[in-house]
Amino acid sequence: MGQIQSDEDEEVELADIQPLYTKFMTVCPSGALHLHEFRKIFGVQSTSEDEALYMETLFKSFDTNRDNVIDFMEFVAAVHLVLRGKLEDRLKWSFKVYDRDDSGKLDRQEVKRVIKVRVLWSPVLIFFISSSNGFLAFYF
């Protein structure tokens, strides 16, 4: 039922980073992942406003320096958070994704969006890099 989480946050090993770098540079030779590439990685071609907004929100949650690109360090931090992050950190990140106005609370509209996204993306694909090029898919 619950997850057992150690107090120690696992470190990212160099051996883990090297293959990620190779894959990242294959997908983003410029070293910068833009929103349109991020959408392509997820396979989102639809013009649905809800999907577009959700993808943009996910993208912005990983773009920590707000320069409208995800660089390799942000990419590693995102993968680390999703795969190895503490449960509390992953929950905070998930909340931040839906708290569009950064109020620290989910208002009625934000809760409706959570429900709509959960129905639309069932299971919700949190981070995807296609398995055809050696990446992994992570589900929330």
N, C-alpha and C. Protein backbone atom coordinates (compact mmCIF):
# COMPACT_ATOMS: atom_id res chain seq x y z
N MET A 1 0.81 -1.18 0.00
CA MET A 1 0.00 0.00 0.00
C MET A 1 0.85 1.25 0.00
N GLY A 2 1.48 1.55 1.12
CA GLY A 2 2.34 2.72 1.19
C GLY A 2 3.72 2.39 0.66
N GLN A 3 4.46 3.44 0.38
CA GLN A 3 5.82 3.23 -0.08
C GLN A 3 6.76 3.45 1.08
N ILE A 4 7.75 2.59 1.18
CA ILE A 4 8.79 2.79 2.17
C ILE A 4 9.83 3.67 1.54
N GLN A 5 10.16 4.73 2.22
CA GLN A 5 11.10 5.70 1.67
C GLN A 5 12.20 5.92 2.70
N SER A 6 13.43 5.78 2.28
CA SER A 6 14.52 6.01 3.22
C SER A 6 14.73 7.50 3.37
N ASP A 7 15.39 7.88 4.47
CA ASP A 7 15.69 9.29 4.69
C ASP A 7 16.83 9.74 3.80
N GLU A 8 17.59 8.78 3.31
CA GLU A 8 18.72 9.12 2.45
C GLU A 8 18.23 9.28 1.02
N ASP A 9 18.56 10.39 0.39
CA ASP A 9 18.23 10.60 -1.02
C ASP A 9 19.37 10.02 -1.82
N GLU A 10 19.05 9.08 -2.71
CA GLU A 10 20.10 8.43 -3.49
C GLU A 10 20.78 9.44 -4.41
N GLU A 11 22.08 9.32 -4.51
CA GLU A 11 22.86 10.17 -5.40
C GLU A 11 22.78 9.61 -6.82
N VAL A 12 22.89 10.50 -7.79
CA VAL A 12 22.94 10.07 -9.18
C VAL A 12 24.38 9.68 -9.47
N GLU A 13 24.57 8.47 -9.95
CA GLU A 13 25.90 7.97 -10.24
C GLU A 13 26.33 8.39 -11.65
N LEU A 14 27.61 8.58 -11.85
CA LEU A 14 28.15 8.95 -13.16
C LEU A 14 27.77 7.89 -14.19
N ALA A 15 27.80 6.65 -13.80
CA ALA A 15 27.45 5.56 -14.72
C ALA A 15 26.00 5.68 -15.19
N ASP A 16 25.14 6.29 -14.37
CA ASP A 16 23.75 6.51 -14.75
C ASP A 16 23.61 7.71 -15.67
N ILE A 17 24.47 8.69 -15.50
CA ILE A 17 24.37 9.94 -16.25
C ILE A 17 24.87 9.79 -17.68
N GLN A 18 25.92 9.03 -17.89
CA GLN A 18 26.50 8.91 -19.23
C GLN A 18 25.50 8.40 -20.28
N PRO A 19 24.76 7.32 -20.02
CA PRO A 19 23.78 6.89 -21.03
C PRO A 19 22.66 7.91 -21.22
N LEU A 20 22.27 8.59 -20.13
CA LEU A 20 21.25 9.63 -20.25
C LEU A 20 21.73 10.75 -21.16
N TYR A 21 22.99 11.12 -21.00
CA TYR A 21 23.56 12.19 -21.83
C TYR A 21 23.56 11.79 -23.30
N THR A 22 23.95 10.57 -23.58
CA THR A 22 23.97 10.08 -24.96
C THR A 22 22.57 10.15 -25.56
N LYS A 23 21.58 9.67 -24.83
CA LYS A 23 20.21 9.68 -25.32
C LYS A 23 19.70 11.10 -25.48
N PHE A 24 19.98 11.94 -24.48
CA PHE A 24 19.52 13.34 -24.53
C PHE A 24 20.08 14.04 -25.76
N MET A 25 21.36 13.86 -26.02
CA MET A 25 21.99 14.52 -27.16
C MET A 25 21.50 13.95 -28.49
N THR A 26 21.05 12.69 -28.49
CA THR A 26 20.47 12.11 -29.70
C THR A 26 19.15 12.80 -30.03
N VAL A 27 18.34 13.02 -29.00
CA VAL A 27 17.04 13.66 -29.17
C VAL A 27 17.19 15.17 -29.36
N CYS A 28 18.16 15.76 -28.65
CA CYS A 28 18.35 17.22 -28.65
C CYS A 28 19.81 17.56 -28.93
N PRO A 29 20.22 17.47 -30.18
CA PRO A 29 21.63 17.72 -30.50
C PRO A 29 22.12 19.11 -30.08
N SER A 30 21.19 20.06 -29.97
CA SER A 30 21.57 21.41 -29.55
C SER A 30 21.86 21.47 -28.06
N GLY A 31 21.46 20.44 -27.33
CA GLY A 31 21.64 20.44 -25.88
C GLY A 31 20.50 21.12 -25.15
N ALA A 32 19.48 21.51 -25.89
CA ALA A 32 18.33 22.20 -25.30
C ALA A 32 17.04 21.56 -25.81
N LEU A 33 16.22 21.12 -24.89
CA LEU A 33 14.93 20.51 -25.22
C LEU A 33 13.86 21.60 -25.18
N HIS A 34 13.24 21.87 -26.32
CA HIS A 34 12.20 22.89 -26.41
C HIS A 34 10.83 22.26 -26.23
N LEU A 35 9.83 23.08 -25.98
CA LEU A 35 8.47 22.59 -25.73
C LEU A 35 7.96 21.73 -26.88
N HIS A 36 8.17 22.14 -28.12
CA HIS A 36 7.66 21.35 -29.24
C HIS A 36 8.34 19.97 -29.31
N GLU A 37 9.61 19.89 -28.93
CA GLU A 37 10.31 18.59 -28.89
C GLU A 37 9.78 17.75 -27.73
N PHE A 38 9.52 18.41 -26.61
CA PHE A 38 8.97 17.76 -25.43
C PHE A 38 7.62 17.12 -25.79
N ARG A 39 6.79 17.87 -26.50
CA ARG A 39 5.49 17.32 -26.93
C ARG A 39 5.67 16.14 -27.87
N LYS A 40 6.64 16.25 -28.76
CA LYS A 40 6.90 15.17 -29.71
C LYS A 40 7.34 13.90 -28.96
N ILE A 41 8.17 14.06 -27.95
CA ILE A 41 8.63 12.93 -27.14
C ILE A 41 7.44 12.22 -26.51
N PHE A 42 6.46 13.00 -26.05
CA PHE A 42 5.26 12.43 -25.45
C PHE A 42 4.30 11.90 -26.49
N GLY A 43 4.54 12.23 -27.76
CA GLY A 43 3.65 11.80 -28.81
C GLY A 43 2.36 12.60 -28.87
N VAL A 44 2.39 13.82 -28.34
CA VAL A 44 1.20 14.67 -28.33
C VAL A 44 1.15 15.48 -29.61
N GLN A 45 0.24 15.11 -30.50
CA GLN A 45 0.05 15.83 -31.76
C GLN A 45 -1.29 16.55 -31.76
N SER A 46 -2.10 16.26 -30.78
CA SER A 46 -3.46 16.79 -30.72
C SER A 46 -3.46 18.30 -30.50
N THR A 47 -4.54 18.90 -30.90
CA THR A 47 -4.71 20.33 -30.67
C THR A 47 -5.59 20.60 -29.47
N SER A 48 -5.83 19.56 -28.67
CA SER A 48 -6.64 19.72 -27.47
C SER A 48 -6.01 20.75 -26.54
N GLU A 49 -6.81 21.72 -26.13
CA GLU A 49 -6.32 22.77 -25.24
C GLU A 49 -5.86 22.19 -23.91
N ASP A 50 -6.60 21.20 -23.41
CA ASP A 50 -6.24 20.60 -22.12
C ASP A 50 -4.90 19.86 -22.22
N GLU A 51 -4.71 19.09 -23.29
CA GLU A 51 -3.43 18.38 -23.46
C GLU A 51 -2.28 19.37 -23.60
N ALA A 52 -2.50 20.40 -24.41
CA ALA A 52 -1.45 21.39 -24.63
C ALA A 52 -1.08 22.09 -23.33
N LEU A 53 -2.09 22.45 -22.55
CA LEU A 53 -1.84 23.12 -21.28
C LEU A 53 -1.11 22.20 -20.30
N TYR A 54 -1.52 20.94 -20.27
CA TYR A 54 -0.87 19.98 -19.39
C TYR A 54 0.60 19.78 -19.77
N MET A 55 0.86 19.64 -21.06
CA MET A 55 2.24 19.45 -21.52
C MET A 55 3.09 20.68 -21.20
N GLU A 56 2.53 21.85 -21.40
CA GLU A 56 3.26 23.08 -21.09
C GLU A 56 3.54 23.18 -19.59
N THR A 57 2.58 22.78 -18.78
CA THR A 57 2.76 22.81 -17.32
C THR A 57 3.85 21.84 -16.90
N LEU A 58 3.84 20.62 -17.46
CA LEU A 58 4.90 19.65 -17.16
C LEU A 58 6.26 20.20 -17.57
N PHE A 59 6.31 20.73 -18.78
CA PHE A 59 7.56 21.28 -19.30
C PHE A 59 8.09 22.36 -18.37
N LYS A 60 7.22 23.29 -17.98
CA LYS A 60 7.64 24.39 -17.10
C LYS A 60 8.09 23.88 -15.74
N SER A 61 7.51 22.78 -15.28
CA SER A 61 7.91 22.26 -13.97
C SER A 61 9.34 21.72 -14.00
N PHE A 62 9.80 21.29 -15.17
CA PHE A 62 11.17 20.80 -15.31
C PHE A 62 12.14 21.92 -15.70
N ASP A 63 11.64 22.98 -16.29
CA ASP A 63 12.46 24.12 -16.70
C ASP A 63 12.66 25.04 -15.50
N THR A 64 13.54 24.65 -14.60
CA THR A 64 13.67 25.34 -13.32
C THR A 64 14.24 26.75 -13.42
N ASN A 65 15.04 27.04 -14.44
CA ASN A 65 15.59 28.39 -14.56
C ASN A 65 14.74 29.29 -15.46
N ARG A 66 13.60 28.77 -15.92
CA ARG A 66 12.61 29.54 -16.68
C ARG A 66 13.15 30.18 -17.96
N ASP A 67 14.03 29.46 -18.67
CA ASP A 67 14.57 29.99 -19.93
C ASP A 67 13.89 29.37 -21.15
N ASN A 68 12.79 28.67 -20.92
CA ASN A 68 11.97 28.04 -21.97
C ASN A 68 12.66 26.91 -22.72
N VAL A 69 13.69 26.32 -22.12
CA VAL A 69 14.30 25.10 -22.61
C VAL A 69 14.67 24.24 -21.41
N ILE A 70 14.71 22.95 -21.63
CA ILE A 70 15.19 22.03 -20.60
C ILE A 70 16.59 21.63 -21.02
N ASP A 71 17.57 22.05 -20.23
CA ASP A 71 18.95 21.67 -20.53
C ASP A 71 19.24 20.32 -19.88
N PHE A 72 20.43 19.82 -20.11
CA PHE A 72 20.74 18.48 -19.63
C PHE A 72 20.66 18.37 -18.11
N MET A 73 21.12 19.39 -17.39
CA MET A 73 21.07 19.32 -15.92
C MET A 73 19.62 19.28 -15.42
N GLU A 74 18.76 20.06 -16.05
CA GLU A 74 17.34 20.04 -15.67
C GLU A 74 16.74 18.68 -16.01
N PHE A 75 17.16 18.11 -17.12
CA PHE A 75 16.70 16.79 -17.53
C PHE A 75 17.10 15.74 -16.51
N VAL A 76 18.36 15.76 -16.08
CA VAL A 76 18.85 14.81 -15.08
C VAL A 76 18.09 14.99 -13.77
N ALA A 77 17.88 16.24 -13.37
CA ALA A 77 17.15 16.51 -12.13
C ALA A 77 15.72 15.96 -12.23
N ALA A 78 15.08 16.12 -13.39
CA ALA A 78 13.72 15.62 -13.57
C ALA A 78 13.67 14.10 -13.50
N VAL A 79 14.58 13.44 -14.21
CA VAL A 79 14.63 11.98 -14.19
C VAL A 79 14.92 11.49 -12.77
N HIS A 80 15.84 12.15 -12.09
CA HIS A 80 16.18 11.75 -10.73
C HIS A 80 14.97 11.91 -9.80
N LEU A 81 14.26 13.03 -9.94
CA LEU A 81 13.09 13.26 -9.11
C LEU A 81 12.04 12.17 -9.35
N VAL A 82 11.74 11.90 -10.60
CA VAL A 82 10.70 10.94 -10.94
C VAL A 82 11.08 9.51 -10.54
N LEU A 83 12.35 9.14 -10.75
CA LEU A 83 12.77 7.77 -10.48
C LEU A 83 13.24 7.52 -9.06
N ARG A 84 13.97 8.47 -8.50
CA ARG A 84 14.63 8.22 -7.22
C ARG A 84 14.32 9.24 -6.14
N GLY A 85 13.54 10.24 -6.49
CA GLY A 85 13.26 11.29 -5.52
C GLY A 85 12.49 10.77 -4.32
N LYS A 86 12.61 11.47 -3.23
CA LYS A 86 11.84 11.12 -2.04
C LYS A 86 10.37 11.29 -2.35
N LEU A 87 9.56 10.46 -1.72
CA LEU A 87 8.12 10.51 -1.94
C LEU A 87 7.59 11.92 -1.70
N GLU A 88 8.04 12.56 -0.64
CA GLU A 88 7.57 13.91 -0.33
C GLU A 88 7.91 14.89 -1.45
N ASP A 89 9.12 14.78 -2.01
CA ASP A 89 9.52 15.67 -3.10
C ASP A 89 8.70 15.42 -4.36
N ARG A 90 8.40 14.15 -4.64
CA ARG A 90 7.58 13.84 -5.81
C ARG A 90 6.16 14.35 -5.63
N LEU A 91 5.63 14.25 -4.41
CA LEU A 91 4.29 14.77 -4.14
C LEU A 91 4.25 16.29 -4.27
N LYS A 92 5.29 16.96 -3.76
CA LYS A 92 5.36 18.43 -3.89
C LYS A 92 5.41 18.82 -5.35
N TRP A 93 6.21 18.11 -6.14
CA TRP A 93 6.30 18.40 -7.56
C TRP A 93 4.95 18.19 -8.25
N SER A 94 4.29 17.06 -7.94
CA SER A 94 2.98 16.78 -8.53
C SER A 94 1.98 17.88 -8.20
N PHE A 95 2.00 18.33 -6.96
CA PHE A 95 1.10 19.41 -6.55
C PHE A 95 1.41 20.68 -7.33
N LYS A 96 2.70 20.99 -7.46
CA LYS A 96 3.12 22.20 -8.18
C LYS A 96 2.65 22.18 -9.64
N VAL A 97 2.62 21.00 -10.24
CA VAL A 97 2.18 20.89 -11.62
C VAL A 97 0.73 21.37 -11.76
N TYR A 98 -0.10 21.10 -10.78
CA TYR A 98 -1.52 21.46 -10.86
C TYR A 98 -1.85 22.81 -10.24
N ASP A 99 -0.99 23.33 -9.40
CA ASP A 99 -1.21 24.64 -8.77
C ASP A 99 -0.75 25.73 -9.73
N ARG A 100 -1.58 25.99 -10.74
CA ARG A 100 -1.21 26.89 -11.84
C ARG A 100 -0.89 28.31 -11.40
N ASP A 101 -1.57 28.79 -10.36
CA ASP A 101 -1.35 30.18 -9.94
C ASP A 101 -0.36 30.31 -8.78
N ASP A 102 0.31 29.21 -8.43
CA ASP A 102 1.31 29.19 -7.34
C ASP A 102 0.77 29.73 -6.02
N SER A 103 -0.50 29.46 -5.75
CA SER A 103 -1.12 29.95 -4.52
C SER A 103 -0.85 29.05 -3.32
N GLY A 104 -0.37 27.84 -3.59
CA GLY A 104 -0.17 26.89 -2.51
C GLY A 104 -1.43 26.10 -2.20
N LYS A 105 -2.50 26.36 -2.97
CA LYS A 105 -3.78 25.66 -2.81
C LYS A 105 -4.32 25.34 -4.19
N LEU A 106 -5.16 24.33 -4.25
CA LEU A 106 -5.86 24.03 -5.50
C LEU A 106 -7.26 24.59 -5.40
N ASP A 107 -7.58 25.54 -6.28
CA ASP A 107 -8.94 26.07 -6.30
C ASP A 107 -9.84 25.14 -7.11
N ARG A 108 -11.09 25.48 -7.20
CA ARG A 108 -12.07 24.63 -7.88
C ARG A 108 -11.65 24.31 -9.32
N GLN A 109 -11.20 25.31 -10.06
CA GLN A 109 -10.80 25.10 -11.45
C GLN A 109 -9.60 24.16 -11.55
N GLU A 110 -8.65 24.33 -10.64
CA GLU A 110 -7.46 23.48 -10.66
C GLU A 110 -7.82 22.03 -10.33
N VAL A 111 -8.74 21.84 -9.41
CA VAL A 111 -9.19 20.48 -9.08
C VAL A 111 -9.91 19.87 -10.28
N LYS A 112 -10.74 20.66 -10.96
CA LYS A 112 -11.41 20.17 -12.17
C LYS A 112 -10.37 19.75 -13.22
N ARG A 113 -9.30 20.54 -13.35
CA ARG A 113 -8.25 20.22 -14.31
C ARG A 113 -7.57 18.90 -13.93
N VAL A 114 -7.31 18.69 -12.64
CA VAL A 114 -6.70 17.43 -12.18
C VAL A 114 -7.57 16.26 -12.61
N ILE A 115 -8.86 16.36 -12.38
CA ILE A 115 -9.78 15.28 -12.72
C ILE A 115 -9.82 15.07 -14.23
N LYS A 116 -9.89 16.16 -14.97
CA LYS A 116 -9.94 16.07 -16.43
C LYS A 116 -8.67 15.43 -16.98
N VAL A 117 -7.52 15.84 -16.45
CA VAL A 117 -6.25 15.29 -16.92
C VAL A 117 -6.13 13.82 -16.55
N ARG A 118 -6.57 13.46 -15.37
CA ARG A 118 -6.50 12.06 -14.95
C ARG A 118 -7.37 11.18 -15.86
N VAL A 119 -8.50 11.69 -16.30
CA VAL A 119 -9.37 10.93 -17.21
C VAL A 119 -8.73 10.89 -18.60
N LEU A 120 -8.19 12.04 -19.02
CA LEU A 120 -7.59 12.15 -20.35
C LEU A 120 -6.34 11.29 -20.48
N TRP A 121 -5.52 11.30 -19.45
CA TRP A 121 -4.24 10.58 -19.45
C TRP A 121 -4.33 9.47 -18.41
N SER A 122 -4.91 8.37 -18.76
CA SER A 122 -5.08 7.31 -17.78
C SER A 122 -4.34 6.07 -18.25
N PRO A 123 -3.23 5.65 -17.66
CA PRO A 123 -2.54 6.33 -16.56
C PRO A 123 -1.81 7.57 -17.07
N VAL A 124 -1.62 8.50 -16.17
CA VAL A 124 -0.97 9.75 -16.56
C VAL A 124 0.49 9.47 -16.85
N LEU A 125 0.88 9.83 -18.03
CA LEU A 125 2.27 9.66 -18.44
C LEU A 125 3.03 10.86 -17.91
N ILE A 126 3.91 10.64 -16.95
CA ILE A 126 4.62 11.74 -16.34
C ILE A 126 5.85 12.10 -17.15
N PHE A 127 6.61 11.16 -17.53
CA PHE A 127 7.81 11.49 -18.29
C PHE A 127 8.05 10.37 -19.27
N PHE A 128 8.12 10.68 -20.52
CA PHE A 128 8.26 9.64 -21.51
C PHE A 128 9.37 9.98 -22.49
N ILE A 129 10.18 9.01 -22.75
CA ILE A 129 11.14 9.10 -23.83
C ILE A 129 11.05 7.75 -24.50
N SER A 130 10.74 7.72 -25.75
CA SER A 130 10.32 6.48 -26.39
C SER A 130 11.30 5.33 -26.21
N SER A 131 10.75 4.16 -26.01
CA SER A 131 11.58 2.97 -25.81
C SER A 131 12.30 2.59 -27.09
N SER A 132 11.84 3.10 -28.22
CA SER A 132 12.50 2.75 -29.48
C SER A 132 13.91 3.32 -29.57
N ASN A 133 14.18 4.40 -28.83
CA ASN A 133 15.54 4.93 -28.84
C ASN A 133 16.24 4.69 -27.50
N GLY A 134 15.76 3.71 -26.76
CA GLY A 134 16.45 3.29 -25.57
C GLY A 134 16.07 4.03 -24.30
N PHE A 135 15.08 4.92 -24.36
CA PHE A 135 14.67 5.63 -23.16
C PHE A 135 13.60 4.85 -22.43
N LEU A 136 13.16 5.37 -21.34
CA LEU A 136 12.18 4.72 -20.49
C LEU A 136 10.89 5.50 -20.46
N ALA A 137 9.81 4.85 -20.06
CA ALA A 137 8.54 5.52 -19.83
C ALA A 137 8.25 5.43 -18.34
N PHE A 138 7.82 6.52 -17.75
CA PHE A 138 7.50 6.55 -16.33
C PHE A 138 6.03 6.92 -16.17
N TYR A 139 5.31 6.16 -15.38
CA TYR A 139 3.89 6.42 -15.18
C TYR A 139 3.66 6.84 -13.75
N PHE A 140 2.70 7.70 -13.55
CA PHE A 140 2.35 8.22 -12.22
C PHE A 140 1.06 7.61 -11.77
